[in-house]
PDB file of N, CA and C in Angstrom:
ATOM      1  N   MET A   1     -37.845  19.639  -7.192  1.00  0.00           N
ATOM      2  CA  MET A   1     -37.054  18.628  -6.527  1.00  0.00           C
ATOM      3  C   MET A   1     -36.322  17.763  -7.537  1.00  0.00           C
ATOM      4  N   LYS A   2     -37.026  17.350  -8.593  1.00  0.00           N
ATOM      5  CA  LYS A   2     -36.392  16.535  -9.616  1.00  0.00           C
ATOM      6  C   LYS A   2     -35.300  17.316 -10.342  1.00  0.00           C
ATOM      7  N   ASP A   3     -35.499  18.605 -10.500  1.00  0.00           N
ATOM      8  CA  ASP A   3     -34.501  19.440 -11.172  1.00  0.00           C
ATOM      9  C   ASP A   3     -33.179  19.429 -10.413  1.00  0.00           C
ATOM     10  N   LEU A   4     -33.234  19.494  -9.083  1.00  0.00           N
ATOM     11  CA  LEU A   4     -32.016  19.472  -8.281  1.00  0.00           C
ATOM     12  C   LEU A   4     -31.283  18.150  -8.429  1.00  0.00           C
ATOM     13  N   LYS A   5     -32.042  17.060  -8.410  1.00  0.00           N
ATOM     14  CA  LYS A   5     -31.425  15.740  -8.555  1.00  0.00           C
ATOM     15  C   LYS A   5     -30.811  15.574  -9.933  1.00  0.00           C
ATOM     16  N   SER A   6     -31.493  16.026 -10.959  1.00  0.00           N
ATOM     17  CA  SER A   6     -30.955  15.883 -12.307  1.00  0.00           C
ATOM     18  C   SER A   6     -29.725  16.750 -12.506  1.00  0.00           C
ATOM     19  N   GLN A   7     -29.716  17.947 -11.906  1.00  0.00           N
ATOM     20  CA  GLN A   7     -28.536  18.805 -12.000  1.00  0.00           C
ATOM     21  C   GLN A   7     -27.366  18.188 -11.255  1.00  0.00           C
ATOM     22  N   ALA A   8     -27.625  17.622 -10.095  1.00  0.00           N
ATOM     23  CA  ALA A   8     -26.559  17.006  -9.305  1.00  0.00           C
ATOM     24  C   ALA A   8     -25.998  15.802 -10.035  1.00  0.00           C
ATOM     25  N   SER A   9     -26.872  15.009 -10.629  1.00  0.00           N
ATOM     26  CA  SER A   9     -26.375  13.821 -11.321  1.00  0.00           C
ATOM     27  C   SER A   9     -25.622  14.194 -12.589  1.00  0.00           C
ATOM     28  N   LYS A  10     -26.020  15.276 -13.241  1.00  0.00           N
ATOM     29  CA  LYS A  10     -25.311  15.714 -14.438  1.00  0.00           C
ATOM     30  C   LYS A  10     -23.920  16.231 -14.107  1.00  0.00           C
ATOM     31  N   SER A  11     -23.796  16.932 -12.981  1.00  0.00           N
ATOM     32  CA  SER A  11     -22.503  17.526 -12.639  1.00  0.00           C
ATOM     33  C   SER A  11     -21.530  16.517 -12.056  1.00  0.00           C
ATOM     34  N   THR A  12     -22.014  15.398 -11.540  1.00  0.00           N
ATOM     35  CA  THR A  12     -21.116  14.422 -10.917  1.00  0.00           C
ATOM     36  C   THR A  12     -21.076  13.086 -11.638  1.00  0.00           C
ATOM     37  N   THR A  13     -21.876  12.923 -12.676  1.00  0.00           N
ATOM     38  CA  THR A  13     -21.882  11.648 -13.382  1.00  0.00           C
ATOM     39  C   THR A  13     -20.688  11.572 -14.326  1.00  0.00           C
ATOM     40  N   PRO A  14     -19.816  10.583 -14.125  1.00  0.00           N
ATOM     41  CA  PRO A  14     -18.648  10.455 -14.992  1.00  0.00           C
ATOM     42  C   PRO A  14     -19.043   9.922 -16.358  1.00  0.00           C
ATOM     43  N   GLY A  15     -18.245  10.233 -17.338  1.00  0.00           N
ATOM     44  CA  GLY A  15     -18.509   9.740 -18.674  1.00  0.00           C
ATOM     45  C   GLY A  15     -17.805   8.412 -18.917  1.00  0.00           C
ATOM     46  N   LYS A  16     -18.495   7.463 -19.449  1.00  0.00           N
ATOM     47  CA  LYS A  16     -17.969   6.160 -19.842  1.00  0.00           C
ATOM     48  C   LYS A  16     -17.251   5.426 -18.704  1.00  0.00           C
ATOM     49  N   GLY A  17     -17.837   5.424 -17.518  1.00  0.00           N
ATOM     50  CA  GLY A  17     -17.331   4.608 -16.425  1.00  0.00           C
ATOM     51  C   GLY A  17     -16.158   5.184 -15.659  1.00  0.00           C
ATOM     52  N   GLY A  18     -15.718   6.394 -15.978  1.00  0.00           N
ATOM     53  CA  GLY A  18     -14.604   6.997 -15.264  1.00  0.00           C
ATOM     54  C   GLY A  18     -15.081   7.844 -14.101  1.00  0.00           C
ATOM     55  N   LEU A  19     -14.128   8.428 -13.400  1.00  0.00           N
ATOM     56  CA  LEU A  19     -14.449   9.319 -12.294  1.00  0.00           C
ATOM     57  C   LEU A  19     -14.381  10.763 -12.769  1.00  0.00           C
ATOM     58  N   THR A  20     -15.244  11.574 -12.216  1.00  0.00           N
ATOM     59  CA  THR A  20     -15.216  12.990 -12.569  1.00  0.00           C
ATOM     60  C   THR A  20     -13.953  13.618 -11.991  1.00  0.00           C
ATOM     61  N   PRO A  21     -13.522  14.722 -12.564  1.00  0.00           N
ATOM     62  CA  PRO A  21     -12.347  15.418 -12.013  1.00  0.00           C
ATOM     63  C   PRO A  21     -12.542  15.824 -10.548  1.00  0.00           C
ATOM     64  N   GLU A  22     -13.774  16.175 -10.180  1.00  0.00           N
ATOM     65  CA  GLU A  22     -14.051  16.549  -8.791  1.00  0.00           C
ATOM     66  C   GLU A  22     -13.827  15.363  -7.852  1.00  0.00           C
ATOM     67  N   ILE A  23     -14.303  14.196  -8.241  1.00  0.00           N
ATOM     68  CA  ILE A  23     -14.134  13.002  -7.413  1.00  0.00           C
ATOM     69  C   ILE A  23     -12.657  12.612  -7.355  1.00  0.00           C
ATOM     70  N   GLN A  24     -11.972  12.682  -8.485  1.00  0.00           N
ATOM     71  CA  GLN A  24     -10.538  12.372  -8.499  1.00  0.00           C
ATOM     72  C   GLN A  24      -9.781  13.307  -7.563  1.00  0.00           C
ATOM     73  N   SER A  25     -10.137  14.581  -7.584  1.00  0.00           N
ATOM     74  CA  SER A  25      -9.489  15.559  -6.726  1.00  0.00           C
ATOM     75  C   SER A  25      -9.737  15.250  -5.252  1.00  0.00           C
ATOM     76  N   ARG A  26     -10.976  14.922  -4.915  1.00  0.00           N
ATOM     77  CA  ARG A  26     -11.298  14.579  -3.522  1.00  0.00           C
ATOM     78  C   ARG A  26     -10.519  13.352  -3.069  1.00  0.00           C
ATOM     79  N   ILE A  27     -10.466  12.334  -3.910  1.00  0.00           N
ATOM     80  CA  ILE A  27      -9.712  11.121  -3.568  1.00  0.00           C
ATOM     81  C   ILE A  27      -8.240  11.463  -3.379  1.00  0.00           C
ATOM     82  N   GLY A  28      -7.699  12.279  -4.258  1.00  0.00           N
ATOM     83  CA  GLY A  28      -6.299  12.683  -4.158  1.00  0.00           C
ATOM     84  C   GLY A  28      -6.008  13.422  -2.863  1.00  0.00           C
ATOM     85  N   HIS A  29      -6.887  14.332  -2.487  1.00  0.00           N
ATOM     86  CA  HIS A  29      -6.696  15.084  -1.233  1.00  0.00           C
ATOM     87  C   HIS A  29      -6.754  14.154  -0.032  1.00  0.00           C
ATOM     88  N   GLN A  30      -7.692  13.216  -0.043  1.00  0.00           N
ATOM     89  CA  GLN A  30      -7.830  12.294   1.082  1.00  0.00           C
ATOM     90  C   GLN A  30      -6.620  11.353   1.175  1.00  0.00           C
ATOM     91  N   LEU A  31      -6.136  10.886   0.039  1.00  0.00           N
ATOM     92  CA  LEU A  31      -4.957  10.018   0.049  1.00  0.00           C
ATOM     93  C   LEU A  31      -3.730  10.769   0.550  1.00  0.00           C
ATOM     94  N   ARG A  32      -3.572  12.023   0.111  1.00  0.00           N
ATOM     95  CA  ARG A  32      -2.437  12.818   0.585  1.00  0.00           C
ATOM     96  C   ARG A  32      -2.505  13.039   2.091  1.00  0.00           C
ATOM     97  N   ALA A  33      -3.697  13.312   2.593  1.00  0.00           N
ATOM     98  CA  ALA A  33      -3.863  13.532   4.033  1.00  0.00           C
ATOM     99  C   ALA A  33      -3.513  12.260   4.806  1.00  0.00           C
ATOM    100  N   MET A  34      -3.962  11.117   4.329  1.00  0.00           N
ATOM    101  CA  MET A  34      -3.646   9.856   5.003  1.00  0.00           C
ATOM    102  C   MET A  34      -2.158   9.565   4.926  1.00  0.00           C
ATOM    103  N   TYR A  35      -1.552   9.767   3.764  1.00  0.00           N
ATOM    104  CA  TYR A  35      -0.133   9.493   3.593  1.00  0.00           C
ATOM    105  C   TYR A  35       0.707  10.415   4.473  1.00  0.00           C
ATOM    106  N   ASP A  36       0.350  11.687   4.529  1.00  0.00           N
ATOM    107  CA  ASP A  36       1.077  12.637   5.367  1.00  0.00           C
ATOM    108  C   ASP A  36       1.025  12.214   6.830  1.00  0.00           C
ATOM    109  N   ASP A  37      -0.120  11.712   7.269  1.00  0.00           N
ATOM    110  CA  ASP A  37      -0.259  11.256   8.650  1.00  0.00           C
ATOM    111  C   ASP A  37       0.676  10.074   8.920  1.00  0.00           C
ATOM    112  N   VAL A  38       0.766   9.152   7.987  1.00  0.00           N
ATOM    113  CA  VAL A  38       1.644   7.988   8.142  1.00  0.00           C
ATOM    114  C   VAL A  38       3.104   8.427   8.166  1.00  0.00           C
ATOM    115  N   VAL A  39       3.479   9.361   7.309  1.00  0.00           N
ATOM    116  CA  VAL A  39       4.860   9.837   7.258  1.00  0.00           C
ATOM    117  C   VAL A  39       5.234  10.531   8.571  1.00  0.00           C
ATOM    118  N   ARG A  40       4.300  11.294   9.133  1.00  0.00           N
ATOM    119  CA  ARG A  40       4.568  11.990  10.391  1.00  0.00           C
ATOM    120  C   ARG A  40       4.794  11.033  11.549  1.00  0.00           C
ATOM    121  N   GLN A  41       4.232   9.833  11.472  1.00  0.00           N
ATOM    122  CA  GLN A  41       4.383   8.867  12.554  1.00  0.00           C
ATOM    123  C   GLN A  41       5.819   8.368  12.668  1.00  0.00           C
ATOM    124  N   GLY A  42       6.537   8.335  11.575  1.00  0.00           N
ATOM    125  CA  GLY A  42       7.921   7.888  11.606  1.00  0.00           C
ATOM    126  C   GLY A  42       8.030   6.369  11.686  1.00  0.00           C
ATOM    127  N   VAL A  43       9.273   5.914  11.781  1.00  0.00           N
ATOM    128  CA  VAL A  43       9.558   4.485  11.838  1.00  0.00           C
ATOM    129  C   VAL A  43       9.620   4.062  13.307  1.00  0.00           C
ATOM    130  N   PRO A  44       8.902   3.017  13.691  1.00  0.00           N
ATOM    131  CA  PRO A  44       8.976   2.548  15.072  1.00  0.00           C
ATOM    132  C   PRO A  44      10.408   2.146  15.443  1.00  0.00           C
ATOM    133  N   ASP A  45      10.767   2.351  16.705  1.00  0.00           N
ATOM    134  CA  ASP A  45      12.117   2.029  17.174  1.00  0.00           C
ATOM    135  C   ASP A  45      12.489   0.583  16.888  1.00  0.00           C
ATOM    136  N   ARG A  46      11.548  -0.313  17.055  1.00  0.00           N
ATOM    137  CA  ARG A  46      11.815  -1.733  16.823  1.00  0.00           C
ATOM    138  C   ARG A  46      12.263  -1.982  15.384  1.00  0.00           C
ATOM    139  N   PHE A  47      11.591  -1.341  14.435  1.00  0.00           N
ATOM    140  CA  PHE A  47      11.961  -1.499  13.028  1.00  0.00           C
ATOM    141  C   PHE A  47      13.314  -0.868  12.746  1.00  0.00           C
ATOM    142  N   ALA A  48      13.568   0.290  13.349  1.00  0.00           N
ATOM    143  CA  ALA A  48      14.855   0.955  13.151  1.00  0.00           C
ATOM    144  C   ALA A  48      15.993   0.063  13.648  1.00  0.00           C
ATOM    145  N   GLU A  49      15.804  -0.597  14.791  1.00  0.00           N
ATOM    146  CA  GLU A  49      16.827  -1.506  15.319  1.00  0.00           C
ATOM    147  C   GLU A  49      17.049  -2.691  14.385  1.00  0.00           C
ATOM    148  N   LEU A  50      15.977  -3.247  13.862  1.00  0.00           N
ATOM    149  CA  LEU A  50      16.108  -4.373  12.928  1.00  0.00           C
ATOM    150  C   LEU A  50      16.859  -3.954  11.670  1.00  0.00           C
ATOM    151  N   ILE A  51      16.566  -2.771  11.168  1.00  0.00           N
ATOM    152  CA  ILE A  51      17.244  -2.277   9.965  1.00  0.00           C
ATOM    153  C   ILE A  51      18.728  -2.091  10.240  1.00  0.00           C
ATOM    154  N   LYS A  52      19.064  -1.552  11.413  1.00  0.00           N
ATOM    155  CA  LYS A  52      20.476  -1.387  11.777  1.00  0.00           C
ATOM    156  C   LYS A  52      21.185  -2.726  11.840  1.00  0.00           C
ATOM    157  N   LYS A  53      20.520  -3.736  12.410  1.00  0.00           N
ATOM    158  CA  LYS A  53      21.125  -5.063  12.503  1.00  0.00           C
ATOM    159  C   LYS A  53      21.346  -5.657  11.117  1.00  0.00           C
ATOM    160  N   LEU A  54      20.395  -5.467  10.227  1.00  0.00           N
ATOM    161  CA  LEU A  54      20.531  -6.013   8.873  1.00  0.00           C
ATOM    162  C   LEU A  54      21.608  -5.274   8.079  1.00  0.00           C
ATOM    163  N   ASP A  55      21.774  -3.986   8.342  1.00  0.00           N
ATOM    164  CA  ASP A  55      22.789  -3.206   7.637  1.00  0.00           C
ATOM    165  C   ASP A  55      24.197  -3.487   8.150  1.00  0.00           C
ATOM    166  N   ALA A  56      24.312  -3.969   9.375  1.00  0.00           N
ATOM    167  CA  ALA A  56      25.626  -4.250   9.957  1.00  0.00           C
ATOM    168  C   ALA A  56      26.276  -5.429   9.232  1.00  0.00           C
ATOM    169  N   PRO A  57      27.615  -5.446   9.147  1.00  0.00           N
ATOM    170  CA  PRO A  57      28.297  -6.586   8.516  1.00  0.00           C
ATOM    171  C   PRO A  57      27.942  -7.871   9.247  1.00  0.00           C
ATOM    172  N   GLY A  58      27.602  -8.874   8.479  1.00  0.00           N
ATOM    173  CA  GLY A  58      27.223 -10.158   9.072  1.00  0.00           C
ATOM    174  C   GLY A  58      25.829 -10.143   9.661  1.00  0.00           C
ATOM    175  N   GLY A  59      25.079  -9.100   9.441  1.00  0.00           N
ATOM    176  CA  GLY A  59      23.749  -8.992  10.024  1.00  0.00           C
ATOM    177  C   GLY A  59      22.663  -9.619   9.180  1.00  0.00           C
ATOM    178  N   ALA A  60      23.020 -10.076   7.998  1.00  0.00           N
ATOM    179  CA  ALA A  60      22.012 -10.676   7.123  1.00  0.00           C
ATOM    180  C   ALA A  60      21.558 -11.998   7.713  1.00  0.00           C
ATOM    181  N   PRO A  61      20.269 -12.276   7.663  1.00  0.00           N
ATOM    182  CA  PRO A  61      19.775 -13.539   8.210  1.00  0.00           C
ATOM    183  C   PRO A  61      20.337 -14.721   7.435  1.00  0.00           C
ATOM    184  N   GLN A  62      20.620 -15.774   8.155  1.00  0.00           N
ATOM    185  CA  GLN A  62      21.153 -16.983   7.536  1.00  0.00           C
ATOM    186  C   GLN A  62      20.000 -17.839   7.043  1.00  0.00           C
ATOM    187  N   VAL A  63      20.117 -18.304   5.823  1.00  0.00           N
ATOM    188  CA  VAL A  63      19.114 -19.184   5.259  1.00  0.00           C
ATOM    189  C   VAL A  63      19.609 -20.602   5.429  1.00  0.00           C
ATOM    190  N   GLU A  64      18.825 -21.393   6.146  1.00  0.00           N
ATOM    191  CA  GLU A  64      19.232 -22.779   6.377  1.00  0.00           C
ATOM    192  C   GLU A  64      18.809 -23.630   5.197  1.00  0.00           C
ATOM    193  N   THR A  65      19.708 -24.489   4.782  1.00  0.00           N
ATOM    194  CA  THR A  65      19.383 -25.436   3.715  1.00  0.00           C
ATOM    195  C   THR A  65      19.449 -26.826   4.303  1.00  0.00           C
ATOM    196  N   ASP A  66      18.479 -27.636   3.951  1.00  0.00           N
ATOM    197  CA  ASP A  66      18.456 -28.996   4.458  1.00  0.00           C
ATOM    198  C   ASP A  66      18.728 -29.995   3.348  1.00  0.00           C
ATOM    199  N   GLY A  67      19.329 -29.514   2.276  1.00  0.00           N
ATOM    200  CA  GLY A  67      19.729 -30.410   1.192  1.00  0.00           C
ATOM    201  C   GLY A  67      18.564 -31.029   0.458  1.00  0.00           C
ATOM    202  N   GLY A  68      17.719 -30.240  -0.136  1.00  0.00           N
ATOM    203  CA  GLY A  68      16.653 -30.815  -0.942  1.00  0.00           C
ATOM    204  C   GLY A  68      15.292 -30.252  -0.614  1.00  0.00           C
ATOM    205  N   SER A  69      15.225 -29.209   0.179  1.00  0.00           N
ATOM    206  CA  SER A  69      13.920 -28.656   0.499  1.00  0.00           C
ATOM    207  C   SER A  69      13.316 -27.914  -0.674  1.00  0.00           C
ATOM    208  N   ASN A  70      14.146 -27.591  -1.690  1.00  0.00           N
ATOM    209  CA  ASN A  70      13.636 -26.853  -2.837  1.00  0.00           C
ATOM    210  C   ASN A  70      13.200 -27.743  -3.978  1.00  0.00           C
ATOM    211  N   ASP A  71      13.378 -29.046  -3.871  1.00  0.00           N
ATOM    212  CA  ASP A  71      12.903 -29.900  -4.966  1.00  0.00           C
ATOM    213  C   ASP A  71      11.418 -30.154  -4.788  1.00  0.00           C
ATOM    214  N   ASN A  72      10.786 -30.673  -5.802  1.00  0.00           N
ATOM    215  CA  ASN A  72       9.333 -30.768  -5.842  1.00  0.00           C
ATOM    216  C   ASN A  72       8.772 -32.055  -5.252  1.00  0.00           C
ATOM    217  N   ASN A  73       9.552 -32.804  -4.505  1.00  0.00           N
ATOM    218  CA  ASN A  73       9.013 -34.047  -3.966  1.00  0.00           C
ATOM    219  C   ASN A  73       8.542 -33.887  -2.520  1.00  0.00           C
ATOM    220  N   ASN A  74       8.477 -32.661  -2.020  1.00  0.00           N
ATOM    221  CA  ASN A  74       7.975 -32.363  -0.685  1.00  0.00           C
ATOM    222  C   ASN A  74       8.668 -33.184   0.396  1.00  0.00           C
ATOM    223  N   GLY A  75       9.968 -33.390   0.247  1.00  0.00           N
ATOM    224  CA  GLY A  75      10.730 -34.119   1.249  1.00  0.00           C
ATOM    225  C   GLY A  75      10.646 -35.632   1.119  1.00  0.00           C
ATOM    226  N   ARG A  76       9.917 -36.112   0.130  1.00  0.00           N
ATOM    227  CA  ARG A  76       9.812 -37.568  -0.077  1.00  0.00           C
ATOM    228  C   ARG A  76      10.822 -37.998  -1.115  1.00  0.00           C
ATOM    229  N   ASP A  77      11.505 -39.082  -0.857  1.00  0.00           N
ATOM    230  CA  ASP A  77      12.482 -39.629  -1.831  1.00  0.00           C
ATOM    231  C   ASP A  77      11.934 -40.737  -2.651  1.00  0.00           C
TER     232      ASP A  77
END
């Protein structure tokens, strides 16, 4: 029983705090699977509409300035 545990720990124990190539490969496969699933979902219609509005001429949001909101006195004079 101890032999199996020692063999398993030897084959999966990373050197100097790193991950073994097997673990890196598993993580890579899992990340690719998750990413592929997200890509297949596509962009929600709501986001696509917002992007179209922003791309249209004059579609950029207007930034309101109140004459001094960017100074460091927090609106106090």
